[in-house]
Amino acid sequence: MQNSQTLITNNLKMQCVERLNEELEKFRKEPLGGISLWSTKNIHYLKASIEGPESTAYEKGLFFIDILIPENYPFEPPNMCVLTPIYHPNVDSCGRVCIKLLNKDSWTPEYDISTMLSHFQYLLSCPQFNDLVMQRTSFRFVAEEFLKNRTLFLNKAQKYTMEYATPLKNVTIFNTVIKMDRPVQMQFKHIAEDFDIPNTKRMKVSRLLS
C-alpha cells in the first residue's frame, strides 16, 4: 500500500515538473505583453514581473512577484506573493493575493502560470471584490476605500507606485522580509533572494513594515 502511494506521489511530481517545463518553454516562445517570467534552480520556485497598465494608478510601475508551485500542480493552484509594495484591494500589506482564481475550489488544471499572471495584470485595471476580500480585515480596508472614496484611493495607489514600484536602472532588489502567517512565511522564507533579471529591468524595492 505504501509503495503504491509512493508511486502515485512520484508520478504527480514528475507530471508537475513536465508541466512546468512545458509552460516555461511556451512562455519563452509566446511571451505576454508587460509580463516577464523567470525560472530558478528550483523548478517549484518561479519569479515574475508585471508592468503597471497604462491609464491606471499603477502606470510606470514594475511589480515583482514570487510564485511557489506545489508538488501536485496543476491540480492545486500556485502560491503567489507580490514583493513590491502596492496599494490594491486584492493585495494586502504582506503581498498576499486574494483572488478567486487561486482558490482551490476555483482552480482547474486548465489554468496555468500565464493565466494567473494575466489575471493579476487585469486586476491592476479592474479590482475584484469577492466575499473573501470583504471578509478579511487586511483586504477590506483598501477595498472599502476604493468603493467609497475613489479619489483618495487613487492618490494613495499612485503614491505607492511612484515610491516603491518605479524601475531604477542597474539597481538590484533589496533583500526583503515579509511578515506573514507562520505557514505562509515558511513557504516564502526564501523570497529575500535577489532577482536574477536583466540589468535593464532591475529595480530597488524597499518594503517598510512595522
Protein backbone atom coordinates (compact mmCIF):
# COMPACT_ATOMS: atom_id res chain seq x y z
CA MET A 1 0.00 0.00 0.00
CA GLN A 2 2.81 2.35 0.95
CA ASN A 3 4.73 1.57 -2.25
CA SER A 4 1.61 2.25 -4.28
CA GLN A 5 1.13 5.62 -2.58
CA THR A 6 4.79 6.49 -3.09
CA LEU A 7 4.49 5.64 -6.77
CA ILE A 8 1.45 7.91 -7.13
CA THR A 9 3.24 10.74 -5.36
CA ASN A 10 6.31 10.37 -7.55
CA ASN A 11 4.17 10.34 -10.70
CA LEU A 12 2.47 13.56 -9.60
CA LYS A 13 5.86 15.17 -9.01
CA MET A 14 7.06 14.12 -12.45
CA GLN A 15 3.86 15.43 -14.06
CA CYS A 16 4.34 18.71 -12.25
CA VAL A 17 7.92 19.16 -13.47
CA GLU A 18 6.99 18.22 -17.04
CA ARG A 19 4.06 20.62 -17.00
CA LEU A 20 6.18 23.49 -15.66
CA ASN A 21 8.90 22.93 -18.24
CA GLU A 22 6.26 22.98 -20.99
CA GLU A 23 4.75 26.20 -19.63
CA LEU A 24 8.12 27.93 -19.35
CA GLU A 25 9.04 26.94 -22.89
CA LYS A 26 5.66 28.16 -24.18
CA PHE A 27 6.10 31.46 -22.36
CA ARG A 28 9.56 31.87 -23.86
CA LYS A 29 8.14 31.40 -27.36
CA GLU A 30 4.90 33.31 -26.73
CA PRO A 31 5.62 35.99 -24.10
CA LEU A 32 2.78 38.07 -22.67
CA GLY A 33 2.81 41.83 -23.08
CA GLY A 34 4.08 43.61 -19.98
CA ILE A 35 4.83 40.34 -18.17
CA SER A 36 8.19 38.65 -17.60
CA LEU A 37 8.75 35.21 -16.07
CA TRP A 38 11.96 33.56 -14.84
CA SER A 39 12.82 30.12 -13.58
CA THR A 40 15.30 29.46 -10.78
CA LYS A 41 17.44 26.49 -9.78
CA ASN A 42 14.34 25.19 -8.02
CA ILE A 43 11.66 24.41 -10.61
CA HIS A 44 9.00 24.89 -7.92
CA TYR A 45 10.06 28.49 -7.33
CA LEU A 46 9.45 30.99 -10.15
CA LYS A 47 9.82 34.76 -10.33
CA ALA A 48 7.90 37.26 -12.40
CA SER A 49 7.41 40.95 -13.00
CA ILE A 50 4.37 42.81 -14.28
CA GLU A 51 4.30 46.31 -15.71
CA GLY A 52 1.51 48.53 -14.46
CA PRO A 53 -1.18 49.07 -17.13
CA GLU A 54 -1.49 52.47 -18.77
CA SER A 55 -4.15 54.88 -17.51
CA THR A 56 -4.17 53.28 -14.05
CA ALA A 57 -2.66 54.26 -10.71
CA TYR A 58 -0.01 51.61 -11.38
CA GLU A 59 1.21 53.03 -14.69
CA LYS A 60 5.04 53.24 -14.96
CA GLY A 61 5.35 50.76 -12.10
CA LEU A 62 7.12 47.41 -12.22
CA PHE A 63 5.81 44.84 -9.75
CA PHE A 64 7.82 41.78 -8.78
CA ILE A 65 6.18 38.50 -7.83
CA ASP A 66 7.28 35.25 -6.22
CA ILE A 67 5.50 32.08 -7.31
CA LEU A 68 5.67 28.88 -5.28
CA ILE A 69 4.50 25.78 -7.13
CA PRO A 70 3.01 22.88 -5.11
CA GLU A 71 4.17 19.38 -5.97
CA ASN A 72 0.72 18.35 -7.20
CA TYR A 73 0.43 21.29 -9.63
CA PRO A 74 -1.57 21.78 -11.87
CA PHE A 75 -4.22 20.08 -9.73
CA GLU A 76 -3.58 22.65 -6.99
CA PRO A 77 -3.09 26.40 -7.57
CA PRO A 78 0.29 28.12 -7.16
CA ASN A 79 1.02 30.39 -4.21
CA MET A 80 1.60 33.96 -5.33
CA CYS A 81 3.26 36.75 -3.36
CA VAL A 82 3.75 40.34 -4.57
CA LEU A 83 7.15 41.58 -3.40
CA THR A 84 6.76 45.18 -4.49
CA PRO A 85 4.62 47.23 -2.08
CA ILE A 86 1.34 48.01 -3.84
CA TYR A 87 -1.88 49.69 -2.70
CA HIS A 88 -4.59 47.46 -4.15
CA PRO A 89 -7.84 45.86 -2.87
CA ASN A 90 -6.68 42.35 -3.78
CA VAL A 91 -3.18 42.57 -2.25
CA ASP A 92 -2.53 43.10 1.45
CA SER A 93 0.49 44.78 3.03
CA CYS A 94 2.31 41.44 3.23
CA GLY A 95 1.95 40.81 -0.51
CA ARG A 96 -0.66 38.10 -0.15
CA VAL A 97 -3.06 37.98 -3.08
CA CYS A 98 -6.78 37.35 -2.63
CA ILE A 99 -8.44 36.40 -5.92
CA LYS A 100 -11.00 33.74 -6.71
CA LEU A 101 -8.81 32.13 -9.37
CA LEU A 102 -6.28 30.99 -6.75
CA ASN A 103 -8.87 29.31 -4.52
CA LYS A 104 -8.61 25.53 -4.56
CA ASP A 105 -12.32 25.31 -5.36
CA SER A 106 -11.94 27.56 -8.41
CA TRP A 107 -8.60 26.42 -9.80
CA THR A 108 -8.56 23.75 -12.52
CA PRO A 109 -5.69 22.09 -14.44
CA GLU A 110 -6.81 24.06 -17.50
CA TYR A 111 -5.30 27.17 -15.90
CA ASP A 112 -1.57 27.80 -15.89
CA ILE A 113 1.04 30.31 -14.70
CA SER A 114 0.33 32.58 -17.67
CA THR A 115 -3.38 32.55 -16.80
CA MET A 116 -2.60 33.58 -13.24
CA LEU A 117 -0.22 36.39 -14.25
CA SER A 118 -2.59 37.69 -16.93
CA HIS A 119 -5.42 37.71 -14.42
CA PHE A 120 -3.35 39.66 -11.92
CA GLN A 121 -2.37 42.15 -14.62
CA TYR A 122 -6.07 42.60 -15.39
CA LEU A 123 -6.78 43.17 -11.68
CA LEU A 124 -4.48 46.19 -11.75
CA SER A 125 -7.08 47.79 -14.01
CA CYS A 126 -10.20 46.18 -12.54
CA PRO A 127 -10.01 45.04 -8.89
CA GLN A 128 -12.08 42.01 -7.93
CA PHE A 129 -14.39 42.23 -4.94
CA ASN A 130 -15.40 38.81 -3.67
CA ASP A 131 -16.56 37.60 -0.27
CA LEU A 132 -13.02 36.74 0.86
CA VAL A 133 -11.78 40.27 0.14
CA MET A 134 -14.64 41.92 2.02
CA GLN A 135 -14.45 39.48 4.97
CA ARG A 136 -10.71 39.74 5.67
CA THR A 137 -9.61 42.83 7.58
CA SER A 138 -6.24 43.04 5.82
CA PHE A 139 -8.01 43.43 2.45
CA ARG A 140 -11.33 45.04 3.40
CA PHE A 141 -9.98 48.48 4.38
CA VAL A 142 -8.49 49.20 0.95
CA ALA A 143 -11.47 47.62 -0.81
CA GLU A 144 -13.94 49.83 1.06
CA GLU A 145 -11.85 52.90 0.34
CA PHE A 146 -11.85 52.03 -3.37
CA LEU A 147 -15.64 51.73 -3.32
CA LYS A 148 -16.43 54.74 -1.12
CA ASN A 149 -13.65 57.24 -1.83
CA ARG A 150 -12.12 56.52 -5.23
CA THR A 151 -10.14 59.79 -5.36
CA LEU A 152 -8.38 59.09 -2.06
CA PHE A 153 -7.68 55.52 -3.12
CA LEU A 154 -6.15 56.57 -6.45
CA ASN A 155 -3.95 59.15 -4.76
CA LYS A 156 -2.59 56.55 -2.35
CA ALA A 157 -2.13 53.94 -5.08
CA GLN A 158 -0.24 56.40 -7.28
CA LYS A 159 1.95 57.44 -4.33
CA TYR A 160 2.84 53.79 -3.62
CA THR A 161 3.65 53.22 -7.29
CA MET A 162 5.97 56.21 -7.52
CA GLU A 163 7.63 55.48 -4.18
CA TYR A 164 8.13 51.73 -4.46
CA ALA A 165 7.50 50.47 -8.00
CA THR A 166 9.32 52.88 -10.32
CA PRO A 167 12.10 50.97 -12.16
CA LEU A 168 15.63 52.13 -11.35
CA LYS A 169 18.28 51.11 -13.89
CA ASN A 170 21.09 48.81 -12.73
CA VAL A 171 19.91 48.59 -9.11
CA THR A 172 19.37 45.16 -7.55
CA ILE A 173 16.40 44.40 -5.36
CA PHE A 174 16.96 44.89 -1.65
CA ASN A 175 16.53 41.78 0.42
CA THR A 176 13.02 41.76 1.83
CA VAL A 177 11.44 40.16 4.86
CA ILE A 178 7.68 39.72 4.58
CA LYS A 179 5.62 39.27 7.72
CA MET A 180 3.01 36.60 7.12
CA ASP A 181 1.08 33.94 8.96
CA ARG A 182 3.60 31.32 10.08
CA PRO A 183 2.74 28.60 7.49
CA VAL A 184 2.91 31.08 4.61
CA GLN A 185 6.08 32.66 5.98
CA MET A 186 7.79 29.27 6.00
CA GLN A 187 6.78 28.67 2.40
CA PHE A 188 8.18 32.00 1.28
CA LYS A 189 11.21 32.24 3.61
CA HIS A 190 13.49 32.30 0.57
CA ILE A 191 11.88 35.31 -1.15
CA ALA A 192 14.60 37.61 0.18
CA GLU A 193 16.89 36.46 -2.64
CA ASP A 194 17.73 38.99 -5.34
CA PHE A 195 16.05 38.52 -8.71
CA ASP A 196 18.35 37.26 -11.46
CA ILE A 197 16.98 39.61 -14.09
CA PRO A 198 18.47 41.73 -16.87
CA ASN A 199 20.10 44.99 -15.77
CA THR A 200 17.68 46.99 -17.89
CA LYS A 201 14.79 45.82 -15.72
CA ARG A 202 16.35 45.84 -12.29
CA MET A 203 14.79 47.89 -9.57
CA LYS A 204 15.25 48.74 -5.95
CA VAL A 205 12.38 47.78 -3.67
CA SER A 206 12.31 48.84 -0.06
CA ARG A 207 9.48 47.41 1.99
CA LEU A 208 8.54 49.34 5.10
CA LEU A 209 6.72 47.16 7.58
CA SER A 210 6.03 47.87 11.20
